[in-house]
Amino acid sequence: MREARSQLNSAGNQAVGQVDKAQTSTLEGPTFLCDIGDGLTSAAEFVGLNLGVALGDATSNVVNAAGGS
């Protein structure tokens, strides 16, 4: 029984060590892939904003040409 408790404690300590290691590695900061994702998101937002402005301008031009206000 003593050997079983010792093995259980050892396994528990190893598990805690692995969890601590995993948590530490995730707290290090953004990775290269995160940076790429952020860049793609920024580019998509930029294109979407400019496309929205261009479409809004085009719609206003059509309405104005048709005699609308």
C-alpha atoms as a PDB file:
ATOM      1  CA  MET A   1       0.000   0.000   0.000  1.00  0.00           C
ATOM      2  CA  ARG A   2       2.858   2.363   0.788  1.00  0.00           C
ATOM      3  CA  GLU A   3       4.346   1.768  -2.692  1.00  0.00           C
ATOM      4  CA  ALA A   4       0.981   2.522  -4.333  1.00  0.00           C
ATOM      5  CA  ARG A   5       0.716   5.815  -2.425  1.00  0.00           C
ATOM      6  CA  SER A   6       4.233   6.731  -3.425  1.00  0.00           C
ATOM      7  CA  GLN A   7       3.503   6.023  -7.095  1.00  0.00           C
ATOM      8  CA  LEU A   8       0.270   8.022  -6.888  1.00  0.00           C
ATOM      9  CA  ASN A   9       2.060  10.997  -5.329  1.00  0.00           C
ATOM     10  CA  SER A  10       4.807  10.812  -7.929  1.00  0.00           C
ATOM     11  CA  ALA A  11       2.292  10.732 -10.780  1.00  0.00           C
ATOM     12  CA  GLY A  12       0.415  13.656  -9.244  1.00  0.00           C
ATOM     13  CA  ASN A  13       3.586  15.701  -8.933  1.00  0.00           C
ATOM     14  CA  GLN A  14       4.484  14.981 -12.554  1.00  0.00           C
ATOM     15  CA  ALA A  15       0.991  16.013 -13.687  1.00  0.00           C
ATOM     16  CA  VAL A  16       1.196  19.277 -11.733  1.00  0.00           C
ATOM     17  CA  GLY A  17       4.602  19.954 -13.272  1.00  0.00           C
ATOM     18  CA  GLN A  18       3.265  19.417 -16.785  1.00  0.00           C
ATOM     19  CA  VAL A  19       0.271  21.693 -16.166  1.00  0.00           C
ATOM     20  CA  ASP A  20       2.524  24.414 -14.758  1.00  0.00           C
ATOM     21  CA  LYS A  21       4.819  24.094 -17.768  1.00  0.00           C
ATOM     22  CA  ALA A  22       1.878  24.344 -20.180  1.00  0.00           C
ATOM     23  CA  GLN A  23       0.464  27.407 -18.422  1.00  0.00           C
ATOM     24  CA  THR A  24       3.846  29.126 -18.428  1.00  0.00           C
ATOM     25  CA  SER A  25       4.341  28.535 -22.145  1.00  0.00           C
ATOM     26  CA  THR A  26       0.907  29.951 -22.996  1.00  0.00           C
ATOM     27  CA  LEU A  27       1.568  33.117 -20.987  1.00  0.00           C
ATOM     28  CA  GLU A  28       4.728  34.001 -22.922  1.00  0.00           C
ATOM     29  CA  GLY A  29       2.884  36.162 -25.421  1.00  0.00           C
ATOM     30  CA  PRO A  30       1.699  36.030 -28.996  1.00  0.00           C
ATOM     31  CA  THR A  31       3.322  33.605 -31.391  1.00  0.00           C
ATOM     32  CA  PHE A  32       4.378  34.148 -34.971  1.00  0.00           C
ATOM     33  CA  LEU A  33       1.065  32.680 -36.173  1.00  0.00           C
ATOM     34  CA  CYS A  34      -0.860  35.067 -33.916  1.00  0.00           C
ATOM     35  CA  ASP A  35       1.015  37.974 -35.483  1.00  0.00           C
ATOM     36  CA  ILE A  36       0.111  36.736 -38.974  1.00  0.00           C
ATOM     37  CA  GLY A  37      -3.542  36.385 -37.960  1.00  0.00           C
ATOM     38  CA  ASP A  38      -3.573  39.905 -36.530  1.00  0.00           C
ATOM     39  CA  GLY A  39      -2.045  41.250 -39.743  1.00  0.00           C
ATOM     40  CA  LEU A  40      -4.646  39.497 -41.884  1.00  0.00           C
ATOM     41  CA  THR A  41      -7.448  40.803 -39.664  1.00  0.00           C
ATOM     42  CA  SER A  42      -6.128  44.354 -39.932  1.00  0.00           C
ATOM     43  CA  ALA A  43      -5.837  44.061 -43.708  1.00  0.00           C
ATOM     44  CA  ALA A  44      -9.375  42.712 -43.998  1.00  0.00           C
ATOM     45  CA  GLU A  45     -10.722  45.532 -41.833  1.00  0.00           C
ATOM     46  CA  PHE A  46      -8.849  48.100 -43.935  1.00  0.00           C
ATOM     47  CA  VAL A  47     -10.199  46.679 -47.198  1.00  0.00           C
ATOM     48  CA  GLY A  48     -13.719  46.380 -45.784  1.00  0.00           C
ATOM     49  CA  LEU A  49     -13.712  49.966 -44.555  1.00  0.00           C
ATOM     50  CA  ASN A  50     -12.403  51.361 -47.828  1.00  0.00           C
ATOM     51  CA  LEU A  51     -14.792  49.199 -49.853  1.00  0.00           C
ATOM     52  CA  GLY A  52     -17.689  50.404 -47.719  1.00  0.00           C
ATOM     53  CA  VAL A  53     -16.710  54.028 -48.261  1.00  0.00           C
ATOM     54  CA  ALA A  54     -16.323  53.475 -52.008  1.00  0.00           C
ATOM     55  CA  LEU A  55     -19.695  51.728 -52.268  1.00  0.00           C
ATOM     56  CA  GLY A  56     -21.324  54.462 -50.200  1.00  0.00           C
ATOM     57  CA  ASP A  57     -19.867  57.118 -52.497  1.00  0.00           C
ATOM     58  CA  ALA A  58     -21.004  55.222 -55.588  1.00  0.00           C
ATOM     59  CA  THR A  59     -24.516  54.847 -54.184  1.00  0.00           C
ATOM     60  CA  SER A  60     -24.673  58.565 -53.362  1.00  0.00           C
ATOM     61  CA  ASN A  61     -23.512  59.418 -56.900  1.00  0.00           C
ATOM     62  CA  VAL A  62     -26.233  57.227 -58.433  1.00  0.00           C
ATOM     63  CA  VAL A  63     -28.922  58.738 -56.209  1.00  0.00           C
ATOM     64  CA  ASN A  64     -27.725  62.265 -56.979  1.00  0.00           C
ATOM     65  CA  ALA A  65     -27.594  61.541 -60.710  1.00  0.00           C
ATOM     66  CA  ALA A  66     -31.159  60.228 -60.554  1.00  0.00           C
ATOM     67  CA  GLY A  67     -32.291  63.498 -59.007  1.00  0.00           C
ATOM     68  CA  GLY A  68     -32.589  62.271 -55.435  1.00  0.00           C
ATOM     69  CA  SER A  69     -31.536  64.223 -52.409  1.00  0.00           C
END
